[in-house]
Amino acid sequence: MYIQNDVHRPSSRGARPHAVVGIRQLARNASAIIRDVSKTGKPTVVTDRGKPVGVIYPFDEEDLEDYILANAPEYVARREQADRDIAEGKTFRCGRACASRSGTR
């Protein structure tokens, strides 16, 4: 098991502390760090010169599919458009849409 270096301190906002690893340490020990994240199920914050730049987050195949769908540009654009349509009242009941598809009104 790889033991992450030093910084396990709570934030000023009261958030749970996470493991923190510097980018150079990540470059030298990537396999061990990834194994540790996978084994513990806890994310690890990656820093560059002390500033957070990323997170290594554990997930399985099901989580990967959810992540891809949630971050696919075309899906994100459609979701944002749907949110705008809802805010502007450009929506209608599902029954109306279903009736128009089946040819009945």
Protein backbone atom coordinates (compact mmCIF):
# COMPACT_ATOMS: atom_id res chain seq x y z
CA MET A 1 0.00 0.00 0.00
CA TYR A 2 1.29 3.41 -0.95
CA ILE A 3 1.16 6.04 1.79
CA GLN A 4 0.46 9.50 0.53
CA ASN A 5 2.63 12.28 1.64
CA ASP A 6 1.81 14.75 4.35
CA VAL A 7 -1.18 16.98 3.73
CA HIS A 8 -4.24 15.53 5.47
CA ARG A 9 -5.64 18.67 6.99
CA PRO A 10 -9.27 19.78 7.16
CA SER A 11 -10.16 22.79 5.06
CA SER A 12 -11.43 26.03 6.54
CA ARG A 13 -14.88 25.08 5.23
CA GLY A 14 -15.00 21.95 7.37
CA ALA A 15 -14.73 19.51 4.47
CA ARG A 16 -13.36 16.02 5.00
CA PRO A 17 -9.63 15.79 4.50
CA HIS A 18 -8.43 13.88 1.46
CA ALA A 19 -5.12 12.37 0.57
CA VAL A 20 -2.94 14.85 -1.30
CA VAL A 21 -0.08 14.07 -3.66
CA GLY A 22 2.23 16.41 -5.53
CA ILE A 23 2.49 16.11 -9.28
CA ARG A 24 6.14 15.01 -9.13
CA GLN A 25 5.31 12.36 -6.56
CA LEU A 26 2.47 11.22 -8.82
CA ALA A 27 4.87 10.93 -11.75
CA ARG A 28 7.26 8.77 -9.72
CA ASN A 29 4.63 6.58 -8.01
CA ALA A 30 1.60 6.59 -10.31
CA SER A 31 0.87 2.86 -10.12
CA ALA A 32 1.02 2.74 -6.32
CA ILE A 33 -1.12 5.86 -5.96
CA ILE A 34 -3.77 4.55 -8.37
CA ARG A 35 -3.79 1.19 -6.56
CA ASP A 36 -4.25 2.99 -3.24
CA VAL A 37 -7.15 5.06 -4.57
CA SER A 38 -8.77 1.94 -5.98
CA LYS A 39 -8.27 -0.05 -2.77
CA THR A 40 -9.43 2.64 -0.31
CA GLY A 41 -12.20 4.04 -2.51
CA LYS A 42 -11.13 7.55 -1.47
CA PRO A 43 -10.11 10.29 -3.89
CA THR A 44 -6.65 11.83 -3.91
CA VAL A 45 -6.05 15.50 -4.69
CA VAL A 46 -3.15 16.23 -7.05
CA THR A 47 -1.24 19.46 -6.51
CA ASP A 48 1.28 21.42 -8.54
CA ARG A 49 3.48 23.59 -6.35
CA GLY A 50 0.96 23.29 -3.54
CA LYS A 51 -2.09 24.31 -5.58
CA PRO A 52 -4.78 21.73 -6.39
CA VAL A 53 -4.91 20.90 -10.10
CA GLY A 54 -6.85 17.65 -10.22
CA VAL A 55 -8.33 14.71 -8.42
CA ILE A 56 -7.81 11.01 -8.87
CA TYR A 57 -11.25 9.59 -8.18
CA PRO A 58 -12.06 5.89 -7.88
CA PHE A 59 -14.82 4.45 -10.02
CA ASP A 60 -15.90 1.23 -11.68
CA GLU A 61 -17.18 0.50 -15.18
CA GLU A 62 -20.71 1.64 -14.34
CA ASP A 63 -19.41 4.91 -12.96
CA LEU A 64 -17.34 5.37 -16.12
CA GLU A 65 -20.42 5.17 -18.32
CA ASP A 66 -22.22 7.73 -16.13
CA TYR A 67 -19.17 10.02 -16.26
CA ILE A 68 -18.91 9.82 -20.04
CA LEU A 69 -22.61 10.54 -20.50
CA ALA A 70 -22.59 13.43 -18.02
CA ASN A 71 -19.57 15.03 -19.71
CA ALA A 72 -20.18 14.31 -23.40
CA PRO A 73 -20.32 17.73 -25.10
CA GLU A 74 -23.48 16.97 -27.09
CA TYR A 75 -25.29 15.66 -23.99
CA VAL A 76 -24.19 18.65 -21.89
CA ALA A 77 -25.35 21.07 -24.62
CA ARG A 78 -28.76 19.39 -24.87
CA ARG A 79 -29.15 19.35 -21.08
CA GLU A 80 -28.28 23.06 -20.90
CA GLN A 81 -30.77 23.82 -23.70
CA ALA A 82 -33.46 21.83 -21.87
CA ASP A 83 -32.78 23.82 -18.69
CA ARG A 84 -33.14 27.09 -20.66
CA ASP A 85 -36.38 25.84 -22.26
CA ILE A 86 -37.80 24.94 -18.85
CA ALA A 87 -36.83 28.33 -17.41
CA GLU A 88 -38.49 30.09 -20.38
CA GLY A 89 -41.66 27.97 -20.18
CA LYS A 90 -41.06 26.35 -23.59
CA THR A 91 -42.19 22.93 -22.44
CA PHE A 92 -45.40 20.93 -22.68
CA ARG A 93 -46.92 17.86 -21.08
CA CYS A 94 -45.67 14.45 -22.14
CA GLY A 95 -49.21 13.36 -23.04
CA ARG A 96 -49.33 16.01 -25.76
CA ALA A 97 -46.03 14.84 -27.27
CA CYS A 98 -47.04 11.18 -27.11
CA ALA A 99 -50.41 11.89 -28.73
CA SER A 100 -48.81 13.77 -31.60
CA ARG A 101 -46.37 10.89 -32.23
CA SER A 102 -49.14 8.31 -32.39
CA GLY A 103 -51.23 10.44 -34.75
CA THR A 104 -54.04 11.14 -32.24
CA ARG A 105 -54.82 14.47 -30.70
